Amino acid sequence: MKKLNKITVQLVILFSLILALTKLAQADDHIAAHRHLADPATLVYNGRVYLYASNDDDNSDDKESGYKMKSIVCISSSDMKNWTDHGVVFEAPRDATWANRTWAPSVIARNGKIYLYFGNGGSGIGVVTASSPTGPFKDPLGKKLIDNQTPGVLPAKNMWLFDPMAFLDDDGQAYLYIGGNGEDNMRVIKLNEDMISVNGQATSFHVPSFFEASWMHKRDGNYYFSYSSNPKAEMRIDYMMSKSPTTGFVYKGVIGAQPPNNNNNNHHGIFEYKGKWYHAYHNRVVAIKKGIPPVYKRNLAIEELNYNADGTIAQVIYTENGVTQIGSINPYQRNEAETMQDQNGIMTKNTDDGGMQISGMKNNNWIKIQGVDFGKKGAKSFNARVSGLSSGTSLEVRVGSLDGKQIAKLVTSGNEAVGLQIQSGKAGIIQGKQDLYLLVSGSDTSAAIDIDWWRFQQR
């Protein structure tokens, strides 16, 4: 009986480990986890949601690195599960010669242009513009938009002049919310219609435990000002409500507690997409899993945001599986390889045509694409534009899991031409909605495969 109990305990432990690993493989407490990104700004544009982030890859792995972010990375999605890496879309001083930092952006679309606001460290606000959400962004002013000389910014005690939040109201008036490090250090100023100049002087309202990360959104006639509270208040995301964008705000409570696997500064973005509201945030789970110092290596994540009947916000409960997928991926069209739900060991880089590709995939590296809908007919072949295939390595396509059914396999065609080539292989029987894994496998552990795009041909 004792022996049986011991075996039972071992089986329970084994089952728990398997369950934990399964949850880890499905985790959404990180998106675009091949990059270290933070401070998410949001833009819903032409049917996609774009997130713009401080690029923590500009910081070293050293725990004493400091915040040295000098570029902004953009990712986007049409289904809230699979995210496309658009790479660095703005960099200082390359794209703004007066700046040397690009902290915590805010992005807004108006009059056919995209406007990106950023903090030059904690010493002022800049703005750059583009005709596309993915840039290139250029500096229209050649100087700061907001600094300490802007009327209304001072006096303030130990003001951090950063964390801009651009908000466009229903009546066409735009506002910029800025500041940090004090309950009376939040400032709001009107933007002119050109979005690169201000109208009048900055004003303020008292924000309890205000630390940083201003955000403004509107729903059903209510204005919601949310922000990160200070360390004494546990660096939560708190919020206030008003019927005006600049006055009358009343503290209402907590949107989100300090996220798990974060234990440090907190920053968020709130947006509506396809009828649902979302709370984007950062944590440090990727760095923790890698075993590197996590302070300056953050990563993005998302949860759904819900409202109570009286318009107040229900506190976010952070989960590993994040949000529900909206729609599906069409396998019969070109799909960019840098669009994925999860990955292991991959990097991305720019292509010659200005796009992106996956770079340097080696043995046992993989990407996961969630919710690929093959329909009733299914597929007959698989094509991908790849480089680096050798006689000792292959690119496998598996269903459901890394050890799931292999439905396609690409091997070298014997063509030793350098660069990306379109390779084809037969596809096994596959129908309906499936999760796909593109896995590099083989004995040639030195082989490094690049993937530009993939698609299936329908039966």
Protein backbone atom coordinates (compact mmCIF):
# COMPACT_ATOMS: atom_id res chain seq x y z
CA MET A 1 0.00 0.00 0.00
CA LYS A 2 2.87 2.35 0.83
CA LYS A 3 4.49 1.48 -2.50
CA LEU A 4 1.25 2.20 -4.31
CA ASN A 5 0.93 5.56 -2.54
CA LYS A 6 4.47 6.45 -3.56
CA ILE A 7 3.74 5.60 -7.19
CA THR A 8 0.49 7.56 -7.01
CA VAL A 9 2.32 10.61 -5.66
CA GLN A 10 4.94 10.32 -8.42
CA LEU A 11 2.21 10.12 -11.06
CA VAL A 12 0.48 13.18 -9.61
CA ILE A 13 3.75 15.10 -9.67
CA LEU A 14 4.44 13.99 -13.25
CA PHE A 15 0.93 14.99 -14.34
CA SER A 16 1.34 18.39 -12.68
CA LEU A 17 4.63 18.98 -14.50
CA ILE A 18 3.08 18.04 -17.84
CA LEU A 19 0.14 20.35 -17.15
CA ALA A 20 2.50 23.18 -16.23
CA LEU A 21 4.55 22.69 -19.40
CA THR A 22 1.37 22.59 -21.48
CA LYS A 23 0.24 25.89 -19.97
CA LEU A 24 3.69 27.37 -20.59
CA ALA A 25 3.54 26.40 -24.26
CA GLN A 26 0.13 28.09 -24.53
CA ALA A 27 1.05 31.13 -22.45
CA ASP A 28 -0.01 34.57 -23.55
CA ASP A 29 1.70 36.36 -20.68
CA HIS A 30 4.12 37.36 -23.41
CA ILE A 31 3.67 38.37 -27.05
CA ALA A 32 6.48 38.94 -29.53
CA ALA A 33 8.68 37.15 -27.00
CA HIS A 34 11.67 37.07 -29.35
CA ARG A 35 12.06 40.75 -28.47
CA HIS A 36 12.24 42.63 -25.17
CA LEU A 37 9.60 45.37 -25.42
CA ALA A 38 7.87 47.70 -22.94
CA ASP A 39 5.54 50.69 -22.45
CA PRO A 40 2.89 49.71 -25.04
CA ALA A 41 1.15 52.42 -27.05
CA THR A 42 -1.85 51.36 -29.12
CA LEU A 43 -3.31 52.28 -32.50
CA VAL A 44 -6.31 50.67 -34.21
CA TYR A 45 -5.98 51.40 -37.93
CA ASN A 46 -7.55 49.85 -41.05
CA GLY A 47 -8.71 46.69 -39.30
CA ARG A 48 -5.51 45.97 -37.38
CA VAL A 49 -4.25 46.83 -33.94
CA TYR A 50 -0.70 48.17 -33.73
CA LEU A 51 1.40 48.23 -30.57
CA TYR A 52 4.41 50.55 -30.35
CA ALA A 53 6.96 49.83 -27.67
CA SER A 54 10.13 51.06 -26.06
CA ASN A 55 12.82 48.73 -27.35
CA ASP A 56 14.49 47.06 -24.36
CA ASP A 57 16.84 45.30 -26.76
CA ASP A 58 18.69 48.64 -26.70
CA ASN A 59 19.51 47.83 -23.06
CA SER A 60 22.22 45.32 -22.27
CA ASP A 61 21.70 42.12 -20.26
CA ASP A 62 23.68 43.65 -17.40
CA LYS A 63 21.58 44.28 -14.29
CA GLU A 64 23.24 47.71 -14.11
CA SER A 65 22.37 48.56 -17.74
CA GLY A 66 19.93 51.40 -17.19
CA TYR A 67 17.14 52.49 -19.53
CA LYS A 68 18.93 53.33 -22.79
CA MET A 69 16.06 52.79 -25.24
CA LYS A 70 16.72 54.75 -28.42
CA SER A 71 14.28 53.07 -30.78
CA ILE A 72 10.62 52.14 -31.12
CA VAL A 73 9.46 48.73 -32.33
CA CYS A 74 6.01 48.11 -33.84
CA ILE A 75 4.04 44.87 -33.85
CA SER A 76 0.48 44.33 -35.12
CA SER A 77 -2.32 41.80 -35.22
CA SER A 78 -5.70 41.20 -36.83
CA ASP A 79 -6.72 38.35 -34.52
CA MET A 80 -5.18 39.26 -31.12
CA LYS A 81 -3.18 36.02 -30.99
CA ASN A 82 -0.73 36.08 -33.89
CA TRP A 83 1.47 39.17 -33.94
CA THR A 84 3.52 40.52 -36.85
CA ASP A 85 6.94 41.99 -36.12
CA HIS A 86 7.46 45.20 -38.12
CA GLY A 87 10.84 45.86 -36.54
CA VAL A 88 12.29 49.24 -35.57
CA VAL A 89 10.10 51.99 -37.05
CA PHE A 90 11.77 54.97 -35.36
CA GLU A 91 15.25 55.49 -33.97
CA ALA A 92 17.14 58.39 -32.42
CA PRO A 93 19.25 60.20 -33.37
CA ARG A 94 18.87 58.60 -36.81
CA ASP A 95 15.33 59.96 -37.31
CA ALA A 96 15.39 62.90 -34.85
CA THR A 97 18.89 64.36 -34.64
CA TRP A 98 18.24 66.36 -31.44
CA ALA A 99 17.14 63.27 -29.45
CA ASN A 100 19.10 60.41 -27.90
CA ARG A 101 16.28 58.47 -26.22
CA THR A 102 12.83 57.22 -27.31
CA TRP A 103 10.93 56.33 -24.16
CA ALA A 104 7.28 55.28 -23.81
CA PRO A 105 5.60 56.34 -27.08
CA SER A 106 2.04 57.36 -27.85
CA VAL A 107 0.61 57.06 -31.36
CA ILE A 108 -2.44 58.60 -33.01
CA ALA A 109 -3.82 58.82 -36.55
CA ARG A 110 -5.32 61.97 -38.03
CA ASN A 111 -5.78 63.49 -41.49
CA GLY A 112 -4.09 60.57 -43.24
CA LYS A 113 -0.96 60.72 -41.09
CA ILE A 114 0.38 58.82 -38.13
CA TYR A 115 1.83 60.87 -35.25
CA LEU A 116 4.23 59.27 -32.77
CA TYR A 117 5.06 61.13 -29.54
CA PHE A 118 7.96 60.03 -27.34
CA GLY A 119 9.99 61.04 -24.31
CA ASN A 120 13.61 62.04 -24.83
CA GLY A 121 14.42 60.31 -21.59
CA GLY A 122 12.69 62.36 -18.90
CA SER A 123 13.58 65.76 -20.33
CA GLY A 124 11.01 66.59 -22.98
CA ILE A 125 8.54 65.36 -25.59
CA GLY A 126 9.17 64.94 -29.31
CA VAL A 127 6.89 64.12 -32.23
CA VAL A 128 7.57 62.33 -35.51
CA THR A 129 5.21 61.61 -38.39
CA ALA A 130 4.64 58.98 -41.07
CA SER A 131 2.15 58.13 -43.80
CA SER A 132 2.00 54.48 -42.69
CA PRO A 133 1.63 52.89 -39.24
CA THR A 134 4.92 51.09 -39.82
CA GLY A 135 6.84 54.21 -40.81
CA PRO A 136 9.29 55.42 -41.74
CA PHE A 137 8.80 58.17 -39.14
CA LYS A 138 10.43 61.54 -39.72
CA ASP A 139 10.94 64.60 -37.53
CA PRO A 140 8.83 67.59 -38.72
CA LEU A 141 10.10 70.07 -36.11
CA GLY A 142 13.79 69.42 -35.61
CA LYS A 143 13.31 70.09 -31.88
CA LYS A 144 11.20 69.16 -28.87
CA LEU A 145 7.46 69.74 -29.00
CA ILE A 146 7.22 70.10 -25.19
CA ASP A 147 9.97 71.17 -22.79
CA ASN A 148 10.29 72.97 -19.46
CA GLN A 149 9.76 76.31 -21.22
CA THR A 150 6.30 75.31 -22.47
CA PRO A 151 3.78 77.50 -20.59
CA GLY A 152 2.17 75.67 -17.69
CA VAL A 153 4.71 72.86 -17.39
CA LEU A 154 6.47 74.53 -14.46
CA PRO A 155 6.46 75.06 -11.56
CA ALA A 156 6.60 71.41 -10.55
CA LYS A 157 8.63 69.55 -7.96
CA ASN A 158 11.05 67.01 -9.47
CA MET A 159 9.02 66.79 -12.69
CA TRP A 160 9.65 63.90 -15.05
CA LEU A 161 8.72 65.35 -18.42
CA PHE A 162 7.95 62.16 -20.31
CA ASP A 163 5.27 59.48 -20.97
CA PRO A 164 3.14 61.41 -23.50
CA MET A 165 -0.42 60.27 -24.14
CA ALA A 166 -2.14 61.71 -27.22
CA PHE A 167 -5.94 61.63 -27.18
CA LEU A 168 -8.33 62.77 -29.94
CA ASP A 169 -11.82 63.60 -28.67
CA ASP A 170 -15.07 63.14 -30.60
CA ASP A 171 -15.32 66.89 -31.29
CA GLY A 172 -11.94 66.91 -33.08
CA GLN A 173 -9.94 68.48 -30.24
CA ALA A 174 -6.70 66.65 -29.47
CA TYR A 175 -4.89 66.64 -26.13
CA LEU A 176 -1.49 65.57 -24.88
CA TYR A 177 -1.10 64.27 -21.31
CA ILE A 178 2.47 64.28 -19.94
CA GLY A 179 4.54 64.21 -16.75
CA GLY A 180 5.40 62.09 -13.74
CA ASN A 181 6.85 61.73 -10.23
CA GLY A 182 4.30 63.58 -8.13
CA GLU A 183 0.57 63.82 -7.47
CA ASP A 184 0.49 67.33 -8.96
CA ASN A 185 2.94 66.64 -11.81
CA MET A 186 0.46 65.55 -14.46
CA ARG A 187 -0.02 68.10 -17.27
CA VAL A 188 -2.48 68.25 -20.15
CA ILE A 189 -2.22 70.59 -23.12
CA LYS A 190 -4.30 71.05 -26.27
CA LEU A 191 -2.82 70.11 -29.62
CA ASN A 192 -3.63 72.06 -32.75
CA GLU A 193 -5.18 70.25 -35.71
CA ASP A 194 -1.72 69.84 -37.26
CA MET A 195 -0.84 67.66 -34.21
CA ILE A 196 2.72 69.04 -34.11
CA SER A 197 2.01 72.31 -32.28
CA VAL A 198 0.24 73.19 -29.03
CA ASN A 199 -2.63 75.55 -28.26
CA GLY A 200 -2.40 77.58 -25.04
CA GLN A 201 -0.73 76.51 -21.85
CA ALA A 202 -0.66 73.23 -19.99
CA THR A 203 -3.07 72.69 -17.10
CA SER A 204 -3.28 70.02 -14.42
CA PHE A 205 -5.54 68.07 -12.11
CA HIS A 206 -4.57 66.26 -8.93
CA VAL A 207 -3.82 62.54 -9.42
CA PRO A 208 -3.60 60.42 -6.23
CA SER A 209 -0.29 58.50 -5.97
CA PHE A 210 0.63 59.57 -9.51
CA PHE A 211 3.96 58.21 -10.69
CA GLU A 212 3.97 57.83 -14.52
CA ALA A 213 2.31 56.23 -17.57
CA SER A 214 -0.63 58.57 -18.26
CA TRP A 215 -3.40 57.11 -20.43
CA MET A 216 -6.72 58.55 -21.58
CA HIS A 217 -9.63 56.80 -23.22
CA LYS A 218 -13.34 57.49 -23.63
CA ARG A 219 -16.36 55.20 -23.48
CA ASP A 220 -20.07 56.04 -23.42
CA GLY A 221 -19.40 59.70 -22.65
CA ASN A 222 -17.05 58.95 -19.75
CA TYR A 223 -13.39 59.99 -19.76
CA TYR A 224 -11.00 57.57 -18.07
CA PHE A 225 -7.58 58.82 -16.97
CA SER A 226 -5.42 55.88 -15.93
CA TYR A 227 -1.84 55.78 -14.74
CA SER A 228 0.83 53.91 -12.81
CA SER A 229 0.77 54.59 -9.08
CA ASN A 230 3.98 55.18 -7.14
CA PRO A 231 6.01 52.46 -5.33
CA LYS A 232 4.25 53.18 -2.04
CA ALA A 233 0.96 52.34 -3.77
CA GLU A 234 2.48 49.18 -5.28
CA MET A 235 2.87 50.52 -8.83
CA ARG A 236 -0.68 49.49 -9.75
CA ILE A 237 -2.61 50.83 -12.72
CA ASP A 238 -5.21 53.12 -11.09
CA TYR A 239 -7.85 55.28 -12.75
CA MET A 240 -10.11 58.30 -12.41
CA MET A 241 -13.33 59.24 -14.24
CA SER A 242 -14.87 62.51 -15.42
CA LYS A 243 -17.32 63.99 -17.92
CA SER A 244 -14.56 66.33 -19.14
CA PRO A 245 -11.10 65.50 -20.61
CA THR A 246 -9.32 68.13 -18.48
CA THR A 247 -11.23 68.69 -15.21
CA GLY A 248 -13.56 67.09 -12.68
CA PHE A 249 -11.78 63.76 -12.34
CA VAL A 250 -12.71 61.52 -9.40
CA TYR A 251 -10.56 58.59 -8.27
CA LYS A 252 -12.34 55.28 -8.90
CA GLY A 253 -9.90 52.51 -8.04
CA VAL A 254 -7.61 49.90 -9.57
CA ILE A 255 -7.58 48.67 -13.16
CA GLY A 256 -4.76 46.23 -12.62
CA ALA A 257 -2.52 45.26 -9.72
CA GLN A 258 1.22 44.91 -10.17
CA PRO A 259 1.45 42.20 -12.88
CA PRO A 260 2.91 38.82 -11.99
CA ASN A 261 6.58 38.46 -12.95
CA ASN A 262 7.05 42.21 -13.02
CA ASN A 263 7.82 43.62 -9.55
CA ASN A 264 8.98 46.95 -10.94
CA ASN A 265 7.75 49.84 -13.08
CA ASN A 266 4.36 49.39 -14.70
CA HIS A 267 2.99 50.79 -17.96
CA HIS A 268 -0.18 50.10 -19.92
CA GLY A 269 -2.32 50.97 -22.92
CA ILE A 270 -6.11 50.62 -23.32
CA PHE A 271 -7.93 50.21 -26.63
CA GLU A 272 -11.11 48.94 -28.26
CA TYR A 273 -10.85 46.48 -31.13
CA LYS A 274 -13.66 44.66 -32.93
CA GLY A 275 -16.15 45.31 -30.14
CA LYS A 276 -13.91 44.34 -27.22
CA TRP A 277 -11.73 46.38 -24.88
CA TYR A 278 -8.16 45.41 -24.04
CA HIS A 279 -5.46 46.21 -21.51
CA ALA A 280 -1.90 45.98 -22.90
CA TYR A 281 0.91 45.96 -20.36
CA HIS A 282 4.45 44.77 -19.77
CA ASN A 283 5.98 42.26 -17.41
CA ARG A 284 9.38 40.55 -17.17
CA VAL A 285 8.51 36.89 -17.58
CA VAL A 286 10.66 36.31 -20.70
CA ALA A 287 13.85 37.53 -19.04
CA ILE A 288 13.05 35.52 -15.91
CA LYS A 289 12.62 32.34 -17.98
CA LYS A 290 15.89 33.07 -19.79
CA GLY A 291 17.65 33.51 -16.48
CA ILE A 292 18.93 37.01 -17.26
CA PRO A 293 18.55 40.10 -15.05
CA PRO A 294 14.95 41.24 -15.72
CA VAL A 295 14.99 44.90 -14.64
CA TYR A 296 15.77 46.36 -18.07
CA LYS A 297 14.41 43.49 -20.17
CA ARG A 298 10.62 43.68 -20.26
CA ASN A 299 8.06 42.05 -22.57
CA LEU A 300 4.52 42.82 -23.72
CA ALA A 301 1.28 41.05 -22.81
CA ILE A 302 -2.49 41.67 -23.13
CA GLU A 303 -5.68 40.97 -21.20
CA GLU A 304 -9.31 41.76 -21.95
CA LEU A 305 -10.81 44.77 -20.15
CA ASN A 306 -14.38 44.70 -18.85
CA TYR A 307 -16.76 47.33 -17.47
CA ASN A 308 -19.38 47.24 -14.75
CA ALA A 309 -22.97 48.37 -15.34
CA ASP A 310 -22.24 51.81 -13.86
CA GLY A 311 -19.33 52.42 -16.25
CA THR A 312 -16.57 51.67 -13.76
CA ILE A 313 -13.85 49.23 -14.77
CA ALA A 314 -13.70 45.67 -13.46
CA GLN A 315 -10.21 44.96 -12.16
CA VAL A 316 -8.08 42.98 -14.59
CA ILE A 317 -7.14 39.47 -13.52
CA TYR A 318 -3.81 38.56 -15.09
CA THR A 319 -3.70 35.13 -16.74
CA GLU A 320 -1.26 33.01 -18.71
CA ASN A 321 -3.57 32.52 -21.67
CA GLY A 322 -4.47 36.17 -22.18
CA VAL A 323 -7.15 36.87 -24.75
CA THR A 324 -9.45 34.96 -27.11
CA GLN A 325 -8.52 34.74 -30.78
CA ILE A 326 -10.69 36.79 -33.13
CA GLY A 327 -11.12 35.06 -36.48
CA SER A 328 -8.42 32.85 -37.97
CA ILE A 329 -5.39 32.71 -40.26
CA ASN A 330 -5.96 31.93 -43.96
CA PRO A 331 -3.31 29.38 -44.98
CA TYR A 332 -4.01 29.83 -48.69
CA GLN A 333 -2.58 33.32 -48.88
CA ARG A 334 0.95 34.54 -48.31
CA ASN A 335 1.64 34.64 -44.57
CA GLU A 336 4.67 36.48 -43.30
CA ALA A 337 6.90 34.20 -41.24
CA GLU A 338 7.38 36.96 -38.66
CA THR A 339 3.67 36.61 -37.80
CA MET A 340 3.38 34.17 -34.91
CA GLN A 341 1.74 33.41 -31.58
CA ASP A 342 4.84 31.96 -29.93
CA GLN A 343 8.39 30.88 -30.76
CA ASN A 344 11.58 29.34 -29.54
CA GLY A 345 15.03 30.65 -30.39
CA ILE A 346 14.17 32.82 -33.39
CA MET A 347 15.26 36.28 -34.45
CA THR A 348 13.93 38.65 -37.10
CA LYS A 349 15.71 40.96 -39.52
CA ASN A 350 14.88 43.34 -42.36
CA THR A 351 14.63 42.09 -45.94
CA ASP A 352 15.96 43.90 -48.98
CA ASP A 353 12.44 44.99 -49.97
CA GLY A 354 11.82 46.74 -46.63
CA GLY A 355 9.88 43.90 -45.02
CA MET A 356 10.90 41.44 -42.32
CA GLN A 357 11.86 37.78 -42.14
CA ILE A 358 12.74 35.18 -39.56
CA SER A 359 16.49 34.76 -39.32
CA GLY A 360 18.92 32.10 -38.13
CA MET A 361 16.52 29.30 -37.12
CA LYS A 362 18.56 26.30 -36.00
CA ASN A 363 17.81 22.74 -34.94
CA ASN A 364 14.74 22.59 -32.62
CA ASN A 365 13.90 26.27 -33.14
CA TRP A 366 10.25 26.84 -34.04
CA ILE A 367 7.38 29.24 -34.50
CA LYS A 368 3.73 28.64 -33.63
CA ILE A 369 0.84 30.05 -35.66
CA GLN A 370 -2.48 29.76 -33.85
CA GLY A 371 -5.89 29.17 -35.40
CA VAL A 372 -5.07 28.38 -39.05
CA ASP A 373 -8.32 27.50 -40.86
CA PHE A 374 -7.87 24.94 -43.67
CA GLY A 375 -11.60 24.64 -44.33
CA LYS A 376 -13.26 21.43 -45.56
CA LYS A 377 -11.17 20.81 -48.70
CA GLY A 378 -7.80 20.96 -47.02
CA ALA A 379 -4.40 21.52 -48.58
CA LYS A 380 -2.38 19.68 -51.23
CA SER A 381 1.01 21.37 -50.95
CA PHE A 382 3.10 23.68 -48.79
CA ASN A 383 5.33 26.47 -50.11
CA ALA A 384 7.77 28.73 -48.31
CA ARG A 385 10.47 31.22 -49.28
CA VAL A 386 13.47 30.02 -47.32
CA SER A 387 17.24 29.88 -47.29
CA GLY A 388 19.74 27.73 -45.46
CA LEU A 389 18.27 24.27 -46.04
CA SER A 390 21.03 21.65 -46.24
CA SER A 391 21.23 17.91 -46.73
CA GLY A 392 21.27 17.52 -42.96
CA THR A 393 18.33 19.74 -42.03
CA SER A 394 14.68 20.33 -42.91
CA LEU A 395 11.72 22.55 -42.15
CA GLU A 396 8.81 20.54 -40.76
CA VAL A 397 5.19 21.62 -40.42
CA ARG A 398 3.41 19.95 -37.50
CA VAL A 399 -0.16 20.19 -36.22
CA GLY A 400 -1.30 20.82 -32.65
CA SER A 401 2.05 20.49 -30.89
CA LEU A 402 5.76 20.14 -31.53
CA ASP A 403 5.41 16.37 -31.64
CA GLY A 404 2.07 16.45 -33.45
CA LYS A 405 1.35 15.00 -36.89
CA GLN A 406 3.81 16.13 -39.56
CA ILE A 407 1.81 17.37 -42.54
CA ALA A 408 4.60 18.87 -44.65
CA LYS A 409 8.37 18.89 -44.87
CA LEU A 410 10.77 20.99 -46.87
CA VAL A 411 14.22 19.63 -47.70
CA THR A 412 16.99 20.94 -49.91
CA SER A 413 16.25 20.87 -53.61
CA GLY A 414 19.92 20.45 -54.38
CA ASN A 415 20.05 24.05 -55.56
CA GLU A 416 23.01 25.65 -53.85
CA ALA A 417 22.05 29.18 -54.91
CA VAL A 418 22.65 31.75 -52.18
CA GLY A 419 19.65 33.61 -50.78
CA LEU A 420 15.96 33.02 -50.32
CA GLN A 421 14.35 30.49 -52.65
CA ILE A 422 10.76 29.22 -52.94
CA GLN A 423 10.65 25.57 -51.84
CA SER A 424 7.64 23.25 -52.13
CA GLY A 425 6.48 19.99 -50.61
CA LYS A 426 3.37 17.83 -50.51
CA ALA A 427 0.88 18.39 -47.70
CA GLY A 428 -0.79 15.62 -45.76
CA ILE A 429 -4.50 15.55 -45.03
CA ILE A 430 -5.45 18.53 -42.90
CA GLN A 431 -8.83 20.24 -42.48
CA GLY A 432 -10.54 22.69 -40.16
CA LYS A 433 -8.88 25.08 -37.72
CA GLN A 434 -5.47 24.00 -36.48
CA ASP A 435 -2.43 25.35 -34.66
CA LEU A 436 0.71 25.00 -36.77
CA TYR A 437 4.34 24.66 -35.75
CA LEU A 438 7.14 25.37 -38.22
CA LEU A 439 10.07 23.42 -36.79
CA VAL A 440 13.69 23.16 -37.89
CA SER A 441 14.93 19.60 -37.52
CA GLY A 442 17.98 17.60 -38.54
CA SER A 443 21.51 16.51 -37.85
CA ASP A 444 23.18 19.65 -39.22
CA THR A 445 23.20 21.69 -36.02
CA SER A 446 25.21 24.48 -37.66
CA ALA A 447 22.58 25.15 -40.33
CA ALA A 448 20.71 28.45 -39.95
CA ILE A 449 17.45 28.78 -41.83
CA ASP A 450 15.77 32.05 -42.81
CA ILE A 451 12.05 32.14 -43.64
CA ASP A 452 10.40 35.03 -45.46
CA TRP A 453 6.86 33.70 -45.94
CA TRP A 454 4.77 30.54 -46.22
CA ARG A 455 1.48 29.40 -47.73
CA PHE A 456 -0.50 26.26 -48.63
CA GLN A 457 -2.16 25.39 -51.91
CA GLN A 458 -5.74 24.24 -51.59
CA ARG A 459 -6.92 20.88 -52.91
